[in-house]
Structures are given as structure tokens and as C-alpha cells.
Amino acid sequence: MPDADIYLSLKQRLTSNGFTHGSKLRAEALRREFDCSASTVREVLFRLSTVGLVDFKEQRGFRVPERSPEKLIELTHMRVLLEGEGTVLSIRNGGVAWEARLTAAHHQLSHIEKRIHGTDDPTDLVEIWFSSEREFHQTLISACGSETLKQMHGRIYAQFRQQLMVSDRRFNFISENIQHHAEILDAALSGDESLTRKKIHDHLARHLTGTTLGE
């Protein structure tokens, strides 16, 4: 398997409950799983450590970051800032093409969330929800005109999702999410910049106490 595919596979698992928080990432076991060299695995794990998804310490090796209420609050503040600014810039610069992409991304996410809301066992919908939720929030900022902002948001979003990868699988929040995403879409399409910032903040506000880690 190419290095890039190993990187993407491990990144996906690190942000969607594929590993336990605090667990050791053993290069030898991963080498066998991906049928590659141990040096390739270590290089990929080092790359993941540079974006905050893996902890590395001498003598201790690689580990999945622990859950941390303080870190969740910090990441949430960064998401509010980056998504608010990025979406406002997209409103100004994106035009009809961006509005169409955003509407399409929301339609897909809304469909999945309504399916989850209507079932007792959403297990089969978990992975597609992770993907659709990420796509909607990335599309919000996609026309901001700043690659730096988008790259920083991508890192923050992945770390944020990693902190919540256990609690978010329970979907206790999904009915609220449906409403929040619709309100963000409506505000963005209306061109109301201050309302859009507020709706993004309101959507993420439940994480600003750090208590969502205990759900």
C-alpha cells in the first residue's frame, strides 16, 4: 500500500474511534497490517504527530492522544474563530457556485442526520456521517481565498473530531444538529455575516465547557 494511503487510513481511524484514547500505536503490528516496512509506519506516525493526531515521546513511542476537556475547549474556540472568519470570507467571495456547493453538502448531511434520528441503531451510518459532517464544514470555508486558513482549519477539525470520537458515536445531539446546520446554511445564504458567525458559535457552544467528553 502506498505511503499516502496508509497515512489517510490511519488518519481516518484516529478521528473516528478506530483506536482507544491513550493507547500505544505499535509500529510492528501496523507494519504487518499494512504489509510494509517498519520505517514506513514510523514515518507515517511521525507525520501524524506533526498535525496533532499522534503523541510521540522518546522511550515511550507513539500513542493516541488522551481525551482532555481543556483541549476540547481550546479546539472549539479555534473552530469558532476559523469557521466564522472563513465562512464570512466565502460569503463575500464565493458567489453562486459556492452557494450551490454549500447547499448540496447540507442536503447530503441533512439526509444522513434525519436517517440517524429515525433509527435505533445508527451503526451503519456512522462513517458516512463523519464524512458528510466534515464536508459541510469544509465547504463553509472553501471559498475564503486563504489556503492557510483552510489548512489550519483542517488540522483543528481533525483534532476536534478525535477528542469527540467516542461521545459523538452515540448521537444524542443529532436533533439539535439538524436544526443548527439548517440555521447556518440559511444565515450564510442570506449573506448576513454577523448572524452566520452567531449560528456557527451556537452550533459549537455545547463543547465550550468540555463536558461533552463525558457523554
N, C-alpha and C. Protein backbone atom coordinates (compact mmCIF):
# COMPACT_ATOMS: atom_id res chain seq x y z
N MET A 1 0.85 -1.20 0.00
CA MET A 1 0.00 0.00 0.00
C MET A 1 0.88 1.25 0.00
N PRO A 2 0.59 2.23 -0.86
CA PRO A 2 1.38 3.46 -0.89
C PRO A 2 1.34 4.20 0.44
N ASP A 3 2.42 4.94 0.73
CA ASP A 3 2.51 5.67 1.99
C ASP A 3 1.31 6.60 2.20
N ALA A 4 0.89 7.26 1.11
CA ALA A 4 -0.22 8.21 1.22
C ALA A 4 -1.49 7.50 1.65
N ASP A 5 -1.72 6.28 1.17
CA ASP A 5 -2.93 5.54 1.55
C ASP A 5 -2.86 5.09 3.01
N ILE A 6 -1.67 4.71 3.47
CA ILE A 6 -1.50 4.33 4.87
C ILE A 6 -1.79 5.54 5.76
N TYR A 7 -1.26 6.69 5.37
CA TYR A 7 -1.49 7.93 6.12
C TYR A 7 -2.98 8.23 6.23
N LEU A 8 -3.69 8.19 5.10
CA LEU A 8 -5.12 8.51 5.11
C LEU A 8 -5.93 7.49 5.90
N SER A 9 -5.53 6.22 5.80
CA SER A 9 -6.25 5.17 6.54
C SER A 9 -6.09 5.36 8.04
N LEU A 10 -4.85 5.62 8.49
CA LEU A 10 -4.62 5.82 9.91
C LEU A 10 -5.27 7.11 10.39
N LYS A 11 -5.23 8.16 9.59
CA LYS A 11 -5.86 9.42 9.98
C LYS A 11 -7.36 9.23 10.18
N GLN A 12 -7.98 8.49 9.27
CA GLN A 12 -9.42 8.25 9.39
C GLN A 12 -9.74 7.48 10.68
N ARG A 13 -8.94 6.48 10.98
CA ARG A 13 -9.18 5.67 12.18
C ARG A 13 -8.89 6.46 13.46
N LEU A 14 -7.91 7.34 13.40
CA LEU A 14 -7.56 8.15 14.57
C LEU A 14 -8.61 9.19 14.91
N THR A 15 -9.48 9.51 13.96
CA THR A 15 -10.50 10.53 14.19
C THR A 15 -11.92 9.95 14.23
N SER A 16 -12.04 8.63 14.12
CA SER A 16 -13.38 8.04 14.11
C SER A 16 -13.48 6.78 14.97
N ASN A 17 -12.75 6.80 16.09
CA ASN A 17 -12.86 5.74 17.09
C ASN A 17 -12.21 4.42 16.66
N GLY A 18 -11.24 4.50 15.75
CA GLY A 18 -10.53 3.29 15.34
C GLY A 18 -9.49 2.85 16.34
N PHE A 19 -9.08 3.75 17.23
CA PHE A 19 -8.13 3.44 18.29
C PHE A 19 -8.64 4.03 19.61
N THR A 20 -8.24 3.42 20.71
CA THR A 20 -8.64 3.91 22.02
C THR A 20 -7.75 5.08 22.44
N HIS A 21 -8.36 6.10 23.04
CA HIS A 21 -7.58 7.23 23.55
C HIS A 21 -6.50 6.73 24.51
N GLY A 22 -5.27 7.23 24.30
CA GLY A 22 -4.17 6.87 25.18
C GLY A 22 -3.48 5.57 24.82
N SER A 23 -4.00 4.83 23.86
CA SER A 23 -3.41 3.53 23.52
C SER A 23 -2.10 3.69 22.74
N LYS A 24 -1.23 2.71 22.87
CA LYS A 24 0.05 2.71 22.18
C LYS A 24 -0.15 2.26 20.73
N LEU A 25 0.49 2.97 19.82
CA LEU A 25 0.45 2.60 18.41
C LEU A 25 1.73 1.84 18.10
N ARG A 26 1.63 0.54 17.95
CA ARG A 26 2.80 -0.31 17.80
C ARG A 26 3.17 -0.45 16.32
N ALA A 27 4.36 0.01 15.99
CA ALA A 27 4.81 0.01 14.60
C ALA A 27 4.83 -1.39 14.01
N GLU A 28 5.24 -2.38 14.81
CA GLU A 28 5.34 -3.74 14.29
C GLU A 28 3.96 -4.29 13.90
N ALA A 29 2.97 -4.05 14.75
CA ALA A 29 1.61 -4.53 14.44
C ALA A 29 1.06 -3.83 13.21
N LEU A 30 1.29 -2.53 13.10
CA LEU A 30 0.82 -1.78 11.94
C LEU A 30 1.58 -2.19 10.68
N ARG A 31 2.85 -2.51 10.84
CA ARG A 31 3.65 -2.97 9.69
C ARG A 31 3.05 -4.24 9.10
N ARG A 32 2.67 -5.16 9.97
CA ARG A 32 2.07 -6.41 9.49
C ARG A 32 0.71 -6.13 8.85
N GLU A 33 -0.05 -5.27 9.48
CA GLU A 33 -1.39 -4.98 8.95
C GLU A 33 -1.34 -4.37 7.55
N PHE A 34 -0.42 -3.43 7.35
CA PHE A 34 -0.35 -2.75 6.06
C PHE A 34 0.66 -3.38 5.10
N ASP A 35 1.33 -4.46 5.57
CA ASP A 35 2.30 -5.17 4.73
C ASP A 35 3.34 -4.20 4.16
N CYS A 36 4.00 -3.49 5.05
CA CYS A 36 5.02 -2.53 4.64
C CYS A 36 6.17 -2.60 5.63
N SER A 37 7.17 -1.77 5.45
CA SER A 37 8.31 -1.77 6.35
C SER A 37 8.00 -1.01 7.63
N ALA A 38 8.74 -1.34 8.69
CA ALA A 38 8.56 -0.63 9.96
C ALA A 38 8.94 0.84 9.81
N SER A 39 9.93 1.13 8.98
CA SER A 39 10.34 2.51 8.78
C SER A 39 9.23 3.33 8.12
N THR A 40 8.48 2.70 7.21
CA THR A 40 7.35 3.38 6.58
C THR A 40 6.29 3.73 7.61
N VAL A 41 5.98 2.78 8.49
CA VAL A 41 4.98 3.04 9.54
C VAL A 41 5.45 4.16 10.45
N ARG A 42 6.70 4.14 10.86
CA ARG A 42 7.21 5.18 11.75
C ARG A 42 7.16 6.55 11.07
N GLU A 43 7.50 6.59 9.78
CA GLU A 43 7.45 7.86 9.06
C GLU A 43 6.02 8.41 9.02
N VAL A 44 5.05 7.53 8.76
CA VAL A 44 3.65 7.95 8.73
C VAL A 44 3.21 8.44 10.11
N LEU A 45 3.58 7.72 11.16
CA LEU A 45 3.20 8.13 12.51
C LEU A 45 3.85 9.46 12.89
N PHE A 46 5.08 9.68 12.46
CA PHE A 46 5.71 10.99 12.71
C PHE A 46 4.93 12.10 11.99
N ARG A 47 4.50 11.85 10.76
CA ARG A 47 3.72 12.84 10.03
C ARG A 47 2.41 13.13 10.75
N LEU A 48 1.77 12.11 11.27
CA LEU A 48 0.52 12.31 12.00
C LEU A 48 0.76 13.04 13.32
N SER A 49 1.94 12.89 13.88
CA SER A 49 2.25 13.61 15.11
C SER A 49 2.42 15.10 14.84
N THR A 50 2.87 15.47 13.63
CA THR A 50 3.05 16.89 13.30
C THR A 50 1.73 17.62 13.14
N VAL A 51 0.63 16.88 12.94
CA VAL A 51 -0.68 17.52 12.83
C VAL A 51 -1.53 17.26 14.08
N GLY A 52 -0.89 16.76 15.13
CA GLY A 52 -1.54 16.66 16.43
C GLY A 52 -2.42 15.45 16.66
N LEU A 53 -2.36 14.46 15.76
CA LEU A 53 -3.23 13.30 15.91
C LEU A 53 -2.54 12.11 16.58
N VAL A 54 -1.24 12.23 16.78
CA VAL A 54 -0.46 11.20 17.45
C VAL A 54 0.52 11.90 18.40
N ASP A 55 0.68 11.36 19.59
CA ASP A 55 1.68 11.85 20.53
C ASP A 55 2.93 10.99 20.42
N PHE A 56 4.09 11.64 20.42
CA PHE A 56 5.35 10.89 20.39
C PHE A 56 6.26 11.37 21.50
N LYS A 57 6.82 10.43 22.26
CA LYS A 57 7.81 10.74 23.28
C LYS A 57 8.92 9.71 23.21
N GLU A 58 10.14 10.18 23.38
CA GLU A 58 11.28 9.27 23.42
C GLU A 58 11.07 8.24 24.53
N GLN A 59 11.44 7.02 24.23
CA GLN A 59 11.32 5.89 25.15
C GLN A 59 9.90 5.37 25.31
N ARG A 60 8.91 6.16 24.89
CA ARG A 60 7.52 5.72 25.04
C ARG A 60 6.88 5.41 23.69
N GLY A 61 7.45 5.94 22.62
CA GLY A 61 6.93 5.67 21.30
C GLY A 61 5.71 6.51 20.96
N PHE A 62 4.83 5.95 20.13
CA PHE A 62 3.67 6.66 19.61
C PHE A 62 2.41 6.24 20.36
N ARG A 63 1.59 7.24 20.69
CA ARG A 63 0.33 6.95 21.36
C ARG A 63 -0.79 7.83 20.80
N VAL A 64 -2.01 7.35 20.96
CA VAL A 64 -3.19 8.15 20.63
C VAL A 64 -3.37 9.19 21.74
N PRO A 65 -3.59 10.46 21.41
CA PRO A 65 -3.77 11.48 22.45
C PRO A 65 -4.90 11.13 23.41
N GLU A 66 -4.72 11.50 24.67
CA GLU A 66 -5.76 11.29 25.68
C GLU A 66 -6.91 12.28 25.44
N ARG A 67 -8.08 11.93 25.96
CA ARG A 67 -9.18 12.87 25.95
C ARG A 67 -8.93 13.95 26.99
N SER A 68 -9.24 15.19 26.64
CA SER A 68 -8.94 16.30 27.53
C SER A 68 -10.00 17.39 27.41
N PRO A 69 -10.76 17.66 28.48
CA PRO A 69 -11.75 18.74 28.43
C PRO A 69 -11.11 20.09 28.09
N GLU A 70 -9.91 20.34 28.62
CA GLU A 70 -9.24 21.61 28.35
C GLU A 70 -8.87 21.73 26.88
N LYS A 71 -8.38 20.65 26.31
CA LYS A 71 -8.01 20.68 24.90
C LYS A 71 -9.24 20.86 24.03
N LEU A 72 -10.35 20.20 24.39
CA LEU A 72 -11.58 20.34 23.62
C LEU A 72 -12.05 21.78 23.60
N ILE A 73 -11.99 22.46 24.73
CA ILE A 73 -12.41 23.87 24.78
C ILE A 73 -11.52 24.72 23.88
N GLU A 74 -10.22 24.48 23.94
CA GLU A 74 -9.28 25.24 23.11
C GLU A 74 -9.56 25.01 21.62
N LEU A 75 -9.75 23.76 21.24
CA LEU A 75 -10.02 23.43 19.84
C LEU A 75 -11.35 24.03 19.39
N THR A 76 -12.34 24.03 20.28
CA THR A 76 -13.64 24.60 19.94
C THR A 76 -13.52 26.09 19.68
N HIS A 77 -12.81 26.79 20.53
CA HIS A 77 -12.59 28.23 20.31
C HIS A 77 -11.94 28.47 18.94
N MET A 78 -10.97 27.66 18.60
CA MET A 78 -10.30 27.82 17.31
C MET A 78 -11.24 27.54 16.15
N ARG A 79 -12.09 26.52 16.31
CA ARG A 79 -13.07 26.25 15.24
C ARG A 79 -14.03 27.41 15.06
N VAL A 80 -14.52 27.96 16.16
CA VAL A 80 -15.44 29.11 16.08
C VAL A 80 -14.78 30.25 15.33
N LEU A 81 -13.53 30.55 15.66
CA LEU A 81 -12.82 31.65 15.01
C LEU A 81 -12.58 31.37 13.53
N LEU A 82 -12.05 30.20 13.23
CA LEU A 82 -11.68 29.88 11.85
C LEU A 82 -12.91 29.70 10.95
N GLU A 83 -13.92 29.01 11.45
CA GLU A 83 -15.12 28.81 10.63
C GLU A 83 -15.90 30.10 10.47
N GLY A 84 -15.96 30.89 11.52
CA GLY A 84 -16.66 32.17 11.41
C GLY A 84 -16.00 33.07 10.37
N GLU A 85 -14.69 33.26 10.49
CA GLU A 85 -13.97 34.11 9.55
C GLU A 85 -13.98 33.51 8.14
N GLY A 86 -13.74 32.21 8.04
CA GLY A 86 -13.70 31.57 6.73
C GLY A 86 -15.03 31.62 6.01
N THR A 87 -16.11 31.45 6.75
CA THR A 87 -17.43 31.49 6.12
C THR A 87 -17.80 32.90 5.68
N VAL A 88 -17.46 33.89 6.50
CA VAL A 88 -17.72 35.28 6.11
C VAL A 88 -16.96 35.62 4.83
N LEU A 89 -15.71 35.20 4.73
CA LEU A 89 -14.94 35.44 3.52
C LEU A 89 -15.54 34.70 2.32
N SER A 90 -16.07 33.51 2.56
CA SER A 90 -16.73 32.76 1.49
C SER A 90 -18.01 33.45 1.03
N ILE A 91 -18.74 34.03 1.98
CA ILE A 91 -19.94 34.79 1.63
C ILE A 91 -19.57 35.93 0.68
N ARG A 92 -18.47 36.60 1.00
CA ARG A 92 -18.05 37.75 0.19
C ARG A 92 -17.49 37.34 -1.17
N ASN A 93 -16.81 36.18 -1.22
CA ASN A 93 -16.07 35.82 -2.42
C ASN A 93 -16.66 34.68 -3.23
N GLY A 94 -17.53 33.87 -2.60
CA GLY A 94 -17.90 32.60 -3.22
C GLY A 94 -18.88 32.66 -4.36
N GLY A 95 -19.84 33.57 -4.29
CA GLY A 95 -20.83 33.68 -5.35
C GLY A 95 -21.77 32.49 -5.43
N VAL A 96 -22.44 32.39 -6.56
CA VAL A 96 -23.46 31.35 -6.75
C VAL A 96 -22.86 29.95 -6.72
N ALA A 97 -21.66 29.79 -7.24
CA ALA A 97 -21.03 28.46 -7.29
C ALA A 97 -20.82 27.92 -5.87
N TRP A 98 -20.32 28.79 -4.97
CA TRP A 98 -20.12 28.36 -3.58
C TRP A 98 -21.46 28.07 -2.92
N GLU A 99 -22.46 28.91 -3.15
CA GLU A 99 -23.77 28.69 -2.56
C GLU A 99 -24.34 27.35 -3.00
N ALA A 100 -24.12 26.98 -4.25
CA ALA A 100 -24.63 25.70 -4.77
C ALA A 100 -23.91 24.53 -4.10
N ARG A 101 -22.59 24.65 -3.95
CA ARG A 101 -21.82 23.57 -3.29
C ARG A 101 -22.24 23.41 -1.84
N LEU A 102 -22.45 24.55 -1.17
CA LEU A 102 -22.84 24.50 0.25
C LEU A 102 -24.22 23.88 0.41
N THR A 103 -25.14 24.26 -0.47
CA THR A 103 -26.49 23.70 -0.42
C THR A 103 -26.46 22.19 -0.64
N ALA A 104 -25.64 21.74 -1.59
CA ALA A 104 -25.53 20.31 -1.88
C ALA A 104 -24.92 19.56 -0.70
N ALA A 105 -23.87 20.14 -0.09
CA ALA A 105 -23.24 19.50 1.07
C ALA A 105 -24.23 19.40 2.24
N HIS A 106 -25.02 20.46 2.43
CA HIS A 106 -26.01 20.43 3.51
C HIS A 106 -27.11 19.41 3.22
N HIS A 107 -27.53 19.31 1.99
CA HIS A 107 -28.59 18.35 1.63
C HIS A 107 -28.15 16.93 1.98
N GLN A 108 -26.92 16.59 1.65
CA GLN A 108 -26.41 15.25 1.96
C GLN A 108 -26.35 15.03 3.47
N LEU A 109 -25.79 16.01 4.20
CA LEU A 109 -25.66 15.88 5.64
C LEU A 109 -27.02 15.80 6.31
N SER A 110 -27.96 16.63 5.89
CA SER A 110 -29.30 16.63 6.47
C SER A 110 -29.99 15.29 6.26
N HIS A 111 -29.81 14.72 5.08
CA HIS A 111 -30.42 13.42 4.78
C HIS A 111 -29.88 12.35 5.73
N ILE A 112 -28.57 12.33 5.93
CA ILE A 112 -27.96 11.34 6.81
C ILE A 112 -28.41 11.55 8.26
N GLU A 113 -28.43 12.81 8.70
CA GLU A 113 -28.81 13.08 10.09
C GLU A 113 -30.27 12.72 10.35
N LYS A 114 -31.13 12.94 9.38
CA LYS A 114 -32.53 12.55 9.56
C LYS A 114 -32.68 11.03 9.59
N ARG A 115 -31.86 10.34 8.81
CA ARG A 115 -31.87 8.87 8.86
C ARG A 115 -31.43 8.38 10.24
N ILE A 116 -30.37 8.99 10.77
CA ILE A 116 -29.87 8.62 12.10
C ILE A 116 -30.94 8.89 13.15
N HIS A 117 -31.59 10.05 13.04
CA HIS A 117 -32.61 10.44 14.01
C HIS A 117 -33.78 9.46 14.02
N GLY A 118 -34.00 8.80 12.89
CA GLY A 118 -35.16 7.91 12.78
C GLY A 118 -34.86 6.44 13.00
N THR A 119 -33.63 6.13 13.46
CA THR A 119 -33.30 4.72 13.66
C THR A 119 -32.78 4.48 15.07
N ASP A 120 -32.99 3.30 15.59
CA ASP A 120 -32.50 2.95 16.92
C ASP A 120 -31.04 2.53 16.90
N ASP A 121 -30.57 2.06 15.73
CA ASP A 121 -29.19 1.61 15.62
C ASP A 121 -28.54 2.26 14.41
N PRO A 122 -27.82 3.38 14.63
CA PRO A 122 -27.22 4.11 13.52
C PRO A 122 -25.83 3.61 13.11
N THR A 123 -25.45 2.43 13.57
CA THR A 123 -24.07 1.94 13.37
C THR A 123 -23.64 2.03 11.91
N ASP A 124 -24.50 1.61 11.01
CA ASP A 124 -24.14 1.58 9.58
C ASP A 124 -24.00 2.97 8.98
N LEU A 125 -24.47 4.00 9.69
CA LEU A 125 -24.44 5.36 9.16
C LEU A 125 -23.31 6.20 9.75
N VAL A 126 -22.56 5.62 10.70
CA VAL A 126 -21.55 6.40 11.41
C VAL A 126 -20.49 6.98 10.49
N GLU A 127 -19.90 6.14 9.65
CA GLU A 127 -18.79 6.60 8.81
C GLU A 127 -19.24 7.64 7.79
N ILE A 128 -20.39 7.44 7.19
CA ILE A 128 -20.86 8.42 6.21
C ILE A 128 -21.25 9.73 6.89
N TRP A 129 -21.70 9.66 8.15
CA TRP A 129 -21.97 10.91 8.87
C TRP A 129 -20.68 11.68 9.13
N PHE A 130 -19.64 10.99 9.59
CA PHE A 130 -18.35 11.65 9.79
C PHE A 130 -17.92 12.37 8.52
N SER A 131 -18.02 11.69 7.39
CA SER A 131 -17.59 12.25 6.12
C SER A 131 -18.46 13.43 5.70
N SER A 132 -19.77 13.30 5.84
CA SER A 132 -20.69 14.35 5.41
C SER A 132 -20.60 15.58 6.29
N GLU A 133 -20.42 15.36 7.59
CA GLU A 133 -20.30 16.49 8.52
C GLU A 133 -19.03 17.29 8.24
N ARG A 134 -17.94 16.56 7.99
CA ARG A 134 -16.68 17.23 7.65
C ARG A 134 -16.81 18.01 6.34
N GLU A 135 -17.45 17.41 5.35
CA GLU A 135 -17.59 18.07 4.05
C GLU A 135 -18.40 19.36 4.16
N PHE A 136 -19.47 19.36 4.96
CA PHE A 136 -20.28 20.56 5.12
C PHE A 136 -19.46 21.69 5.73
N HIS A 137 -18.73 21.39 6.80
CA HIS A 137 -17.97 22.45 7.47
C HIS A 137 -16.78 22.91 6.63
N GLN A 138 -16.21 22.02 5.85
CA GLN A 138 -15.14 22.43 4.95
C GLN A 138 -15.68 23.29 3.81
N THR A 139 -16.87 22.96 3.35
CA THR A 139 -17.46 23.74 2.26
C THR A 139 -17.80 25.15 2.73
N LEU A 140 -18.17 25.30 4.00
CA LEU A 140 -18.46 26.64 4.53
C LEU A 140 -17.30 27.60 4.27
N ILE A 141 -16.07 27.12 4.43
CA ILE A 141 -14.90 28.00 4.31
C ILE A 141 -14.18 27.84 2.98
N SER A 142 -14.71 27.03 2.09
CA SER A 142 -13.97 26.64 0.88
C SER A 142 -13.69 27.79 -0.07
N ALA A 143 -14.47 28.87 -0.02
CA ALA A 143 -14.28 29.99 -0.93
C ALA A 143 -13.66 31.20 -0.22
N CYS A 144 -13.00 30.94 0.93
CA CYS A 144 -12.46 32.06 1.72
C CYS A 144 -11.27 32.73 1.05
N GLY A 145 -10.59 32.02 0.16
CA GLY A 145 -9.45 32.60 -0.54
C GLY A 145 -8.14 32.47 0.21
N SER A 146 -8.12 31.78 1.35
CA SER A 146 -6.91 31.64 2.13
C SER A 146 -6.59 30.16 2.33
N GLU A 147 -5.53 29.68 1.67
CA GLU A 147 -5.12 28.29 1.85
C GLU A 147 -4.62 28.06 3.28
N THR A 148 -3.99 29.07 3.86
CA THR A 148 -3.50 28.94 5.24
C THR A 148 -4.66 28.71 6.20
N LEU A 149 -5.73 29.48 6.05
CA LEU A 149 -6.90 29.31 6.91
C LEU A 149 -7.48 27.92 6.74
N LYS A 150 -7.60 27.46 5.50
CA LYS A 150 -8.20 26.14 5.25
C LYS A 150 -7.32 25.02 5.80
N GLN A 151 -6.01 25.14 5.66
CA GLN A 151 -5.12 24.12 6.18
C GLN A 151 -5.18 24.08 7.71
N MET A 152 -5.17 25.26 8.33
CA MET A 152 -5.24 25.32 9.78
C MET A 152 -6.57 24.75 10.27
N HIS A 153 -7.66 25.09 9.59
CA HIS A 153 -8.96 24.55 9.96
C HIS A 153 -8.98 23.03 9.85
N GLY A 154 -8.36 22.51 8.80
CA GLY A 154 -8.32 21.06 8.62
C GLY A 154 -7.64 20.36 9.79
N ARG A 155 -6.56 20.94 10.27
CA ARG A 155 -5.85 20.35 11.41
C ARG A 155 -6.68 20.45 12.69
N ILE A 156 -7.26 21.62 12.92
CA ILE A 156 -8.06 21.81 14.13
C ILE A 156 -9.29 20.91 14.10
N TYR A 157 -9.93 20.82 12.95
CA TYR A 157 -11.13 19.99 12.84
C TYR A 157 -10.81 18.53 13.15
N ALA A 158 -9.69 18.03 12.61
CA ALA A 158 -9.32 16.63 12.83
C ALA A 158 -9.05 16.36 14.31
N GLN A 159 -8.33 17.27 14.98
CA GLN A 159 -8.06 17.09 16.40
C GLN A 159 -9.35 17.19 17.23
N PHE A 160 -10.22 18.11 16.84
CA PHE A 160 -11.52 18.27 17.50
C PHE A 160 -12.33 16.98 17.37
N ARG A 161 -12.39 16.44 16.17
CA ARG A 161 -13.14 15.21 15.94
C ARG A 161 -12.54 14.06 16.72
N GLN A 162 -11.22 14.02 16.83
CA GLN A 162 -10.56 12.96 17.60
C GLN A 162 -10.97 13.02 19.07
N GLN A 163 -11.05 14.22 19.63
CA GLN A 163 -11.46 14.36 21.02
C GLN A 163 -12.88 13.85 21.26
N LEU A 164 -13.72 13.97 20.25
CA LEU A 164 -15.14 13.60 20.40
C LEU A 164 -15.49 12.26 19.78
N MET A 165 -14.51 11.50 19.33
CA MET A 165 -14.83 10.32 18.52
C MET A 165 -15.59 9.25 19.28
N VAL A 166 -15.54 9.28 20.62
CA VAL A 166 -16.32 8.31 21.40
C VAL A 166 -17.73 8.83 21.63
N SER A 167 -17.85 10.05 22.16
CA SER A 167 -19.17 10.58 22.52
C SER A 167 -20.04 10.82 21.30
N ASP A 168 -19.44 11.25 20.17
CA ASP A 168 -20.26 11.58 19.01
C ASP A 168 -20.88 10.35 18.35
N ARG A 169 -20.40 9.17 18.65
CA ARG A 169 -20.99 7.96 18.06
C ARG A 169 -22.34 7.63 18.70
N ARG A 170 -22.65 8.27 19.82
CA ARG A 170 -23.92 7.97 20.49
C ARG A 170 -25.07 8.80 19.92
N PHE A 171 -24.73 9.89 19.24
CA PHE A 171 -25.71 10.69 18.51
C PHE A 171 -26.85 11.20 19.37
N ASN A 172 -26.58 11.50 20.64
CA ASN A 172 -27.61 12.08 21.49
C ASN A 172 -27.98 13.50 21.05
N PHE A 173 -27.12 14.11 20.29
CA PHE A 173 -27.24 15.51 19.90
C PHE A 173 -27.86 15.70 18.52
N ILE A 174 -28.26 14.63 17.83
CA ILE A 174 -28.49 14.72 16.40
C ILE A 174 -29.67 15.63 16.04
N SER A 175 -30.75 15.64 16.83
CA SER A 175 -31.89 16.50 16.50
C SER A 175 -31.49 17.96 16.57
N GLU A 176 -30.64 18.31 17.54
CA GLU A 176 -30.13 19.68 17.65
C GLU A 176 -29.23 20.00 16.47
N ASN A 177 -28.43 19.03 16.07
CA ASN A 177 -27.53 19.23 14.93
C ASN A 177 -28.30 19.55 13.64
N ILE A 178 -29.39 18.85 13.42
CA ILE A 178 -30.19 19.08 12.22
C ILE A 178 -30.62 20.54 12.14
N GLN A 179 -31.11 21.06 13.26
CA GLN A 179 -31.55 22.45 13.32
C GLN A 179 -30.38 23.42 13.14
N HIS A 180 -29.27 23.14 13.82
CA HIS A 180 -28.12 24.03 13.75
C HIS A 180 -27.56 24.14 12.34
N HIS A 181 -27.39 23.02 11.68
CA HIS A 181 -26.83 23.04 10.33
C HIS A 181 -27.75 23.79 9.37
N ALA A 182 -29.05 23.61 9.54
CA ALA A 182 -30.00 24.34 8.68
C ALA A 182 -29.91 25.84 8.93
N GLU A 183 -29.75 26.23 10.20
CA GLU A 183 -29.66 27.65 10.53
C GLU A 183 -28.37 28.27 10.01
N ILE A 184 -27.28 27.53 10.06
CA ILE A 184 -26.01 28.01 9.50
C ILE A 184 -26.15 28.20 7.99
N LEU A 185 -26.75 27.23 7.32
CA LEU A 185 -26.95 27.34 5.88
C LEU A 185 -27.79 28.56 5.53
N ASP A 186 -28.92 28.73 6.21
CA ASP A 186 -29.81 29.85 5.91
C ASP A 186 -29.12 31.19 6.14
N ALA A 187 -28.35 31.29 7.23
CA ALA A 187 -27.66 32.54 7.53
C ALA A 187 -26.61 32.84 6.47
N ALA A 188 -25.86 31.82 6.08
CA ALA A 188 -24.82 32.02 5.07
C ALA A 188 -25.41 32.41 3.73
N LEU A 189 -26.48 31.76 3.32
CA LEU A 189 -27.10 32.07 2.03
C LEU A 189 -27.76 33.44 2.03
N SER A 190 -28.17 33.90 3.21
CA SER A 190 -28.78 35.23 3.29
C SER A 190 -27.74 36.35 3.19
N GLY A 191 -26.47 35.98 3.39
CA GLY A 191 -25.40 36.98 3.34
C GLY A 191 -25.24 37.78 4.62
N ASP A 192 -25.93 37.38 5.67
CA ASP A 192 -25.85 38.09 6.95
C ASP A 192 -24.62 37.59 7.71
N GLU A 193 -23.56 38.38 7.70
CA GLU A 193 -22.28 37.93 8.25
C GLU A 193 -22.33 37.76 9.76
N SER A 194 -22.91 38.70 10.48
CA SER A 194 -22.95 38.61 11.94
C SER A 194 -23.83 37.45 12.39
N LEU A 195 -24.94 37.22 11.70
CA LEU A 195 -25.81 36.10 12.05
C LEU A 195 -25.12 34.78 11.77
N THR A 196 -24.37 34.71 10.68
CA THR A 196 -23.65 33.49 10.35
C THR A 196 -22.63 33.16 11.43
N ARG A 197 -21.87 34.16 11.86
CA ARG A 197 -20.91 33.94 12.95
C ARG A 197 -21.62 33.43 14.21
N LYS A 198 -22.77 34.02 14.52
CA LYS A 198 -23.51 33.63 15.71
C LYS A 198 -23.99 32.18 15.61
N LYS A 199 -24.50 31.79 14.45
CA LYS A 199 -25.02 30.43 14.29
C LYS A 199 -23.90 29.40 14.37
N ILE A 200 -22.72 29.75 13.86
CA ILE A 200 -21.58 28.84 13.98
C ILE A 200 -21.18 28.71 15.45
N HIS A 201 -21.15 29.83 16.16
CA HIS A 201 -20.83 29.79 17.59
C HIS A 201 -21.87 28.97 18.35
N ASP A 202 -23.14 29.20 18.08
CA ASP A 202 -24.20 28.48 18.78
C ASP A 202 -24.10 26.97 18.53
N HIS A 203 -23.73 26.62 17.32
CA HIS A 203 -23.61 25.20 16.97
C HIS A 203 -22.53 24.51 17.79
N LEU A 204 -21.46 25.21 18.07
CA LEU A 204 -20.32 24.62 18.77
C LEU A 204 -20.30 24.90 20.26
N ALA A 205 -21.24 25.73 20.73
CA ALA A 205 -21.19 26.21 22.12
C ALA A 205 -21.25 25.10 23.15
N ARG A 206 -21.90 23.99 22.85
CA ARG A 206 -22.02 22.92 23.84
C ARG A 206 -20.66 22.31 24.19
N HIS A 207 -19.66 22.52 23.31
CA HIS A 207 -18.33 21.98 23.57
C HIS A 207 -17.43 22.93 24.34
N LEU A 208 -17.89 24.15 24.57
CA LEU A 208 -17.03 25.15 25.21
C LEU A 208 -16.88 24.94 26.72
N THR A 209 -17.60 23.99 27.27
CA THR A 209 -17.44 23.65 28.68
C THR A 209 -16.59 22.41 28.87
N GLY A 210 -16.39 21.66 27.77
CA GLY A 210 -15.62 20.43 27.86
C GLY A 210 -16.42 19.25 28.37
N THR A 211 -17.67 19.48 28.78
CA THR A 211 -18.46 18.40 29.39
C THR A 211 -18.90 17.35 28.38
N THR A 212 -18.87 17.67 27.09
CA THR A 212 -19.33 16.71 26.09
C THR A 212 -18.44 15.49 26.01
N LEU A 213 -17.22 15.57 26.55
CA LEU A 213 -16.36 14.38 26.58
C LEU A 213 -16.94 13.30 27.47
N GLY A 214 -17.78 13.68 28.40
CA GLY A 214 -18.34 12.70 29.33
C GLY A 214 -19.64 12.09 28.88
N GLU A 215 -20.11 12.46 27.68
CA GLU A 215 -21.42 11.95 27.24
C GLU A 215 -21.34 10.45 26.97
